[in-house]
Amino acid sequence: MALSTASTDSAVLIAEETSPSQTFTTFTASTAWTLGTALRNRILSLPDSQRKPALISIALATAPSGGGSLHTLFQSATDSGTIPDNENWVRRKRNTVLRWGVSSWAMRQKVISGAGSSAADVVEAAFVKKYALASGNGGAVADEYAIHGGGYPIRIKGVEGVVAVVVVSGLKQEDDHQVVAETIREVIAQGN
């Protein structure tokens, strides 16, 4: 079954991400497994026009010990054909979600609406300028953040902020976003 078209309105996207239909009651390793396998199955069922090999990654926002590193709960490729660069995209999209607390697609749409253009180079430049971004390792800011669809916040009812991040990398960026949004809604509706 084909994915719906992802919204390009940042206010609509953020309202969806924070809605009860997108908020878990708990989030454990078992929940991550359920969500991760549901995402993999959903991607594998996409029509050829939307399907490509993709990497799925789900990580807690911080390690259980409170350390600064992430704790990955689920990671899987959907098919042969993912490349090491997918890992880099996962990290950069995750960083965006953790820093701004919204999906990487919503962040992109916020920047586009502020820049008045959707040309990739204009959007990226506007993103760097607006948020005064500098890379921690002396490289380009693109080394740290990505405002491309696929990074999505996990929220729990009654808990402030983002507790985990799910990322899909490999499909078209709007499809990376939409498959996560639709699958989270389905998993929550099933009582997980």
C-alpha atoms as a PDB file:
ATOM      1  CA  MET A   1       0.000   0.000   0.000  1.00  0.00           C
ATOM      2  CA  ALA A   2       1.348   3.424  -0.987  1.00  0.00           C
ATOM      3  CA  LEU A   3       2.201   6.094   1.567  1.00  0.00           C
ATOM      4  CA  SER A   4       0.111   9.235   1.895  1.00  0.00           C
ATOM      5  CA  THR A   5       1.704  12.503   0.852  1.00  0.00           C
ATOM      6  CA  ALA A   6       3.652  14.131   3.685  1.00  0.00           C
ATOM      7  CA  SER A   7       2.440  17.565   4.746  1.00  0.00           C
ATOM      8  CA  THR A   8       4.697  20.515   4.002  1.00  0.00           C
ATOM      9  CA  ASP A   9       3.142  22.729   6.701  1.00  0.00           C
ATOM     10  CA  SER A  10       5.433  22.774   9.745  1.00  0.00           C
ATOM     11  CA  ALA A  11       2.585  23.711  12.127  1.00  0.00           C
ATOM     12  CA  VAL A  12       0.503  20.750  10.916  1.00  0.00           C
ATOM     13  CA  LEU A  13       3.509  18.421  11.182  1.00  0.00           C
ATOM     14  CA  ILE A  14       4.369  19.512  14.732  1.00  0.00           C
ATOM     15  CA  ALA A  15       0.715  19.262  15.827  1.00  0.00           C
ATOM     16  CA  GLU A  16       0.626  15.709  14.452  1.00  0.00           C
ATOM     17  CA  GLU A  17       3.897  14.737  16.149  1.00  0.00           C
ATOM     18  CA  THR A  18       2.622  15.889  19.535  1.00  0.00           C
ATOM     19  CA  SER A  19      -0.918  14.511  19.177  1.00  0.00           C
ATOM     20  CA  PRO A  20      -2.253  11.604  21.278  1.00  0.00           C
ATOM     21  CA  SER A  21      -2.195   9.408  18.146  1.00  0.00           C
ATOM     22  CA  GLN A  22       1.602   9.846  18.071  1.00  0.00           C
ATOM     23  CA  THR A  23       2.282   9.617  21.830  1.00  0.00           C
ATOM     24  CA  PHE A  24       3.168   6.316  23.459  1.00  0.00           C
ATOM     25  CA  THR A  25       2.063   5.357  26.981  1.00  0.00           C
ATOM     26  CA  THR A  26       5.427   3.617  27.527  1.00  0.00           C
ATOM     27  CA  PHE A  27       8.499   3.053  25.404  1.00  0.00           C
ATOM     28  CA  THR A  28      10.686   0.026  26.127  1.00  0.00           C
ATOM     29  CA  ALA A  29      12.997  -2.262  24.189  1.00  0.00           C
ATOM     30  CA  SER A  30       9.911  -4.346  23.365  1.00  0.00           C
ATOM     31  CA  THR A  31       8.107  -1.271  22.038  1.00  0.00           C
ATOM     32  CA  ALA A  32      11.145  -0.411  19.900  1.00  0.00           C
ATOM     33  CA  TRP A  33      11.184  -3.978  18.533  1.00  0.00           C
ATOM     34  CA  THR A  34       7.461  -3.789  17.695  1.00  0.00           C
ATOM     35  CA  LEU A  35       7.853  -0.397  16.016  1.00  0.00           C
ATOM     36  CA  GLY A  36      11.061  -1.355  14.193  1.00  0.00           C
ATOM     37  CA  THR A  37       9.662  -4.585  12.777  1.00  0.00           C
ATOM     38  CA  ALA A  38       6.420  -2.816  11.819  1.00  0.00           C
ATOM     39  CA  LEU A  39       8.477  -0.191   9.965  1.00  0.00           C
ATOM     40  CA  ARG A  40      10.507  -2.854   8.185  1.00  0.00           C
ATOM     41  CA  ASN A  41       7.362  -4.720   7.134  1.00  0.00           C
ATOM     42  CA  ARG A  42       5.715  -1.472   5.996  1.00  0.00           C
ATOM     43  CA  ILE A  43       8.704  -0.465   3.877  1.00  0.00           C
ATOM     44  CA  LEU A  44       8.887  -3.939   2.334  1.00  0.00           C
ATOM     45  CA  SER A  45       5.185  -3.663   1.392  1.00  0.00           C
ATOM     46  CA  LEU A  46       5.549  -0.319  -0.407  1.00  0.00           C
ATOM     47  CA  PRO A  47       4.919  -0.194  -4.148  1.00  0.00           C
ATOM     48  CA  ASP A  48       8.035  -0.197  -6.329  1.00  0.00           C
ATOM     49  CA  SER A  49       7.631   3.548  -6.957  1.00  0.00           C
ATOM     50  CA  GLN A  50       8.261   4.267  -3.238  1.00  0.00           C
ATOM     51  CA  ARG A  51      10.363   1.308  -2.135  1.00  0.00           C
ATOM     52  CA  LYS A  52      14.160   1.345  -1.874  1.00  0.00           C
ATOM     53  CA  PRO A  53      16.586  -0.303   0.548  1.00  0.00           C
ATOM     54  CA  ALA A  54      16.467   1.644   3.815  1.00  0.00           C
ATOM     55  CA  LEU A  55      18.061   1.672   7.237  1.00  0.00           C
ATOM     56  CA  ILE A  56      15.798   1.861  10.303  1.00  0.00           C
ATOM     57  CA  SER A  57      17.261   2.957  13.632  1.00  0.00           C
ATOM     58  CA  ILE A  58      15.579   3.560  16.991  1.00  0.00           C
ATOM     59  CA  ALA A  59      17.580   4.960  19.916  1.00  0.00           C
ATOM     60  CA  LEU A  60      16.834   6.396  23.329  1.00  0.00           C
ATOM     61  CA  ALA A  61      17.686  10.082  23.697  1.00  0.00           C
ATOM     62  CA  THR A  62      20.301   9.258  26.358  1.00  0.00           C
ATOM     63  CA  ALA A  63      21.926   6.143  27.666  1.00  0.00           C
ATOM     64  CA  PRO A  64      20.076   4.461  30.574  1.00  0.00           C
ATOM     65  CA  SER A  65      22.936   5.448  32.917  1.00  0.00           C
ATOM     66  CA  GLY A  66      22.349   9.122  32.082  1.00  0.00           C
ATOM     67  CA  GLY A  67      25.531   9.369  30.020  1.00  0.00           C
ATOM     68  CA  GLY A  68      25.765  11.488  26.929  1.00  0.00           C
ATOM     69  CA  SER A  69      25.798   8.722  24.356  1.00  0.00           C
ATOM     70  CA  LEU A  70      22.770   7.205  22.692  1.00  0.00           C
ATOM     71  CA  HIS A  71      21.449   3.757  23.410  1.00  0.00           C
ATOM     72  CA  THR A  72      20.295   1.999  20.226  1.00  0.00           C
ATOM     73  CA  LEU A  73      17.317  -0.301  20.807  1.00  0.00           C
ATOM     74  CA  PHE A  74      16.652  -1.385  17.215  1.00  0.00           C
ATOM     75  CA  GLN A  75      18.506  -1.153  13.938  1.00  0.00           C
ATOM     76  CA  SER A  76      17.918  -3.022  10.700  1.00  0.00           C
ATOM     77  CA  ALA A  77      18.337  -2.702   6.967  1.00  0.00           C
ATOM     78  CA  THR A  78      15.208  -3.532   4.986  1.00  0.00           C
ATOM     79  CA  ASP A  79      17.048  -5.030   1.998  1.00  0.00           C
ATOM     80  CA  SER A  80      20.498  -5.434   0.562  1.00  0.00           C
ATOM     81  CA  GLY A  81      21.617  -2.165  -0.957  1.00  0.00           C
ATOM     82  CA  THR A  82      21.990   0.190   1.988  1.00  0.00           C
ATOM     83  CA  ILE A  83      25.407   1.817   2.206  1.00  0.00           C
ATOM     84  CA  PRO A  84      27.566   3.203   5.037  1.00  0.00           C
ATOM     85  CA  ASP A  85      26.310   6.692   4.178  1.00  0.00           C
ATOM     86  CA  ASN A  86      22.857   5.652   5.483  1.00  0.00           C
ATOM     87  CA  GLU A  87      24.432   5.458   8.977  1.00  0.00           C
ATOM     88  CA  ASN A  88      25.680   9.018   8.590  1.00  0.00           C
ATOM     89  CA  TRP A  89      22.223  10.226   7.540  1.00  0.00           C
ATOM     90  CA  VAL A  90      20.680   8.433  10.537  1.00  0.00           C
ATOM     91  CA  ARG A  91      23.085  10.193  12.925  1.00  0.00           C
ATOM     92  CA  ARG A  92      22.535  13.624  11.386  1.00  0.00           C
ATOM     93  CA  LYS A  93      18.718  13.310  11.295  1.00  0.00           C
ATOM     94  CA  ARG A  94      18.733  12.049  14.905  1.00  0.00           C
ATOM     95  CA  ASN A  95      20.854  15.030  15.972  1.00  0.00           C
ATOM     96  CA  THR A  96      18.317  17.399  14.413  1.00  0.00           C
ATOM     97  CA  VAL A  97      15.402  15.795  16.269  1.00  0.00           C
ATOM     98  CA  LEU A  98      17.281  15.808  19.571  1.00  0.00           C
ATOM     99  CA  ARG A  99      18.353  19.447  19.255  1.00  0.00           C
ATOM    100  CA  TRP A 100      15.032  20.953  18.141  1.00  0.00           C
ATOM    101  CA  GLY A 101      12.513  18.401  19.447  1.00  0.00           C
ATOM    102  CA  VAL A 102      10.638  18.054  16.147  1.00  0.00           C
ATOM    103  CA  SER A 103      10.971  15.762  13.155  1.00  0.00           C
ATOM    104  CA  SER A 104      13.719  16.496  10.674  1.00  0.00           C
ATOM    105  CA  TRP A 105      10.990  16.954   8.015  1.00  0.00           C
ATOM    106  CA  ALA A 106       9.123  19.541  10.151  1.00  0.00           C
ATOM    107  CA  MET A 107      12.418  21.352  10.706  1.00  0.00           C
ATOM    108  CA  ARG A 108      13.013  21.411   6.945  1.00  0.00           C
ATOM    109  CA  GLN A 109       9.543  22.841   6.344  1.00  0.00           C
ATOM    110  CA  LYS A 110      10.124  25.557   8.984  1.00  0.00           C
ATOM    111  CA  VAL A 111      13.327  26.586   7.222  1.00  0.00           C
ATOM    112  CA  ILE A 112      11.706  26.516   3.774  1.00  0.00           C
ATOM    113  CA  SER A 113       8.844  28.735   4.922  1.00  0.00           C
ATOM    114  CA  GLY A 114      11.372  31.192   6.374  1.00  0.00           C
ATOM    115  CA  ALA A 115      13.651  31.113   3.337  1.00  0.00           C
ATOM    116  CA  GLY A 116      10.884  31.507   0.786  1.00  0.00           C
ATOM    117  CA  SER A 117      12.438  28.873  -1.463  1.00  0.00           C
ATOM    118  CA  SER A 118      12.737  25.115  -1.569  1.00  0.00           C
ATOM    119  CA  ALA A 119      15.987  24.933  -3.531  1.00  0.00           C
ATOM    120  CA  ALA A 120      18.245  22.611  -1.526  1.00  0.00           C
ATOM    121  CA  ASP A 121      21.261  24.935  -1.411  1.00  0.00           C
ATOM    122  CA  VAL A 122      19.117  27.902  -0.316  1.00  0.00           C
ATOM    123  CA  VAL A 123      17.382  25.814   2.350  1.00  0.00           C
ATOM    124  CA  GLU A 124      20.630  24.432   3.766  1.00  0.00           C
ATOM    125  CA  ALA A 125      22.239  27.905   3.802  1.00  0.00           C
ATOM    126  CA  ALA A 126      19.175  29.391   5.512  1.00  0.00           C
ATOM    127  CA  PHE A 127      19.277  26.610   8.118  1.00  0.00           C
ATOM    128  CA  VAL A 128      22.950  27.235   8.928  1.00  0.00           C
ATOM    129  CA  LYS A 129      22.459  31.010   9.076  1.00  0.00           C
ATOM    130  CA  LYS A 130      19.240  31.017  11.129  1.00  0.00           C
ATOM    131  CA  TYR A 131      20.571  28.700  13.826  1.00  0.00           C
ATOM    132  CA  ALA A 132      24.194  29.962  13.796  1.00  0.00           C
ATOM    133  CA  LEU A 133      25.422  26.422  13.413  1.00  0.00           C
ATOM    134  CA  ALA A 134      29.045  25.454  13.604  1.00  0.00           C
ATOM    135  CA  SER A 135      30.387  21.929  13.514  1.00  0.00           C
ATOM    136  CA  GLY A 136      31.974  20.655  16.702  1.00  0.00           C
ATOM    137  CA  ASN A 137      34.767  18.988  14.733  1.00  0.00           C
ATOM    138  CA  GLY A 138      35.668  21.962  12.550  1.00  0.00           C
ATOM    139  CA  GLY A 139      33.906  20.527   9.502  1.00  0.00           C
ATOM    140  CA  ALA A 140      30.826  21.689   7.699  1.00  0.00           C
ATOM    141  CA  VAL A 141      27.618  21.909   9.718  1.00  0.00           C
ATOM    142  CA  ALA A 142      26.191  19.218   7.443  1.00  0.00           C
ATOM    143  CA  ASP A 143      28.508  16.872   9.324  1.00  0.00           C
ATOM    144  CA  GLU A 144      26.260  17.223  12.387  1.00  0.00           C
ATOM    145  CA  TYR A 145      22.652  17.908  11.317  1.00  0.00           C
ATOM    146  CA  ALA A 146      20.336  17.067   8.437  1.00  0.00           C
ATOM    147  CA  ILE A 147      17.021  18.724   7.682  1.00  0.00           C
ATOM    148  CA  HIS A 148      15.813  15.912   5.460  1.00  0.00           C
ATOM    149  CA  GLY A 149      12.795  13.767   6.274  1.00  0.00           C
ATOM    150  CA  GLY A 150      13.130  10.582   8.275  1.00  0.00           C
ATOM    151  CA  GLY A 151      14.080  11.596  11.825  1.00  0.00           C
ATOM    152  CA  TYR A 152      11.045  11.442  14.123  1.00  0.00           C
ATOM    153  CA  PRO A 153      10.613  12.142  17.862  1.00  0.00           C
ATOM    154  CA  ILE A 154       9.224   9.521  20.238  1.00  0.00           C
ATOM    155  CA  ARG A 155       7.167  10.992  23.059  1.00  0.00           C
ATOM    156  CA  ILE A 156       5.558   9.365  26.090  1.00  0.00           C
ATOM    157  CA  LYS A 157       2.370  10.639  27.722  1.00  0.00           C
ATOM    158  CA  GLY A 158       3.222  12.601  30.850  1.00  0.00           C
ATOM    159  CA  VAL A 159       6.939  12.897  30.038  1.00  0.00           C
ATOM    160  CA  GLU A 160       8.385  16.217  28.924  1.00  0.00           C
ATOM    161  CA  GLY A 161      10.438  16.212  25.737  1.00  0.00           C
ATOM    162  CA  VAL A 162      11.709  13.588  23.343  1.00  0.00           C
ATOM    163  CA  VAL A 163      12.591  10.226  24.923  1.00  0.00           C
ATOM    164  CA  ALA A 164      13.762   8.440  21.788  1.00  0.00           C
ATOM    165  CA  VAL A 165      14.236   8.994  18.076  1.00  0.00           C
ATOM    166  CA  VAL A 166      13.291   6.752  15.184  1.00  0.00           C
ATOM    167  CA  VAL A 167      15.048   7.339  11.872  1.00  0.00           C
ATOM    168  CA  VAL A 168      14.522   5.901   8.410  1.00  0.00           C
ATOM    169  CA  SER A 169      17.158   6.592   5.753  1.00  0.00           C
ATOM    170  CA  GLY A 170      17.069   5.403   2.165  1.00  0.00           C
ATOM    171  CA  LEU A 171      13.677   6.298   0.692  1.00  0.00           C
ATOM    172  CA  LYS A 172      12.824   9.721  -0.732  1.00  0.00           C
ATOM    173  CA  GLN A 173      13.015  12.096   2.228  1.00  0.00           C
ATOM    174  CA  GLU A 174       9.275  12.794   2.303  1.00  0.00           C
ATOM    175  CA  ASP A 175       8.652   9.035   2.264  1.00  0.00           C
ATOM    176  CA  ASP A 176      11.259   8.482   5.006  1.00  0.00           C
ATOM    177  CA  HIS A 177       9.154  10.863   7.118  1.00  0.00           C
ATOM    178  CA  GLN A 178       5.746   9.576   6.135  1.00  0.00           C
ATOM    179  CA  VAL A 179       6.470   5.877   6.688  1.00  0.00           C
ATOM    180  CA  VAL A 180       7.534   6.664  10.259  1.00  0.00           C
ATOM    181  CA  ALA A 181       4.514   8.892  10.970  1.00  0.00           C
ATOM    182  CA  GLU A 182       2.029   6.379   9.579  1.00  0.00           C
ATOM    183  CA  THR A 183       3.636   3.388  11.272  1.00  0.00           C
ATOM    184  CA  ILE A 184       3.812   5.066  14.699  1.00  0.00           C
ATOM    185  CA  ARG A 185       0.117   5.918  14.424  1.00  0.00           C
ATOM    186  CA  GLU A 186      -0.694   2.282  13.524  1.00  0.00           C
ATOM    187  CA  VAL A 187       1.434   0.804  16.316  1.00  0.00           C
ATOM    188  CA  ILE A 188      -0.119   3.117  18.927  1.00  0.00           C
ATOM    189  CA  ALA A 189      -3.642   2.405  17.627  1.00  0.00           C
ATOM    190  CA  GLN A 190      -2.961  -1.327  18.137  1.00  0.00           C
ATOM    191  CA  GLY A 191      -2.249  -0.637  21.809  1.00  0.00           C
ATOM    192  CA  ASN A 192       1.537  -0.859  21.798  1.00  0.00           C
END
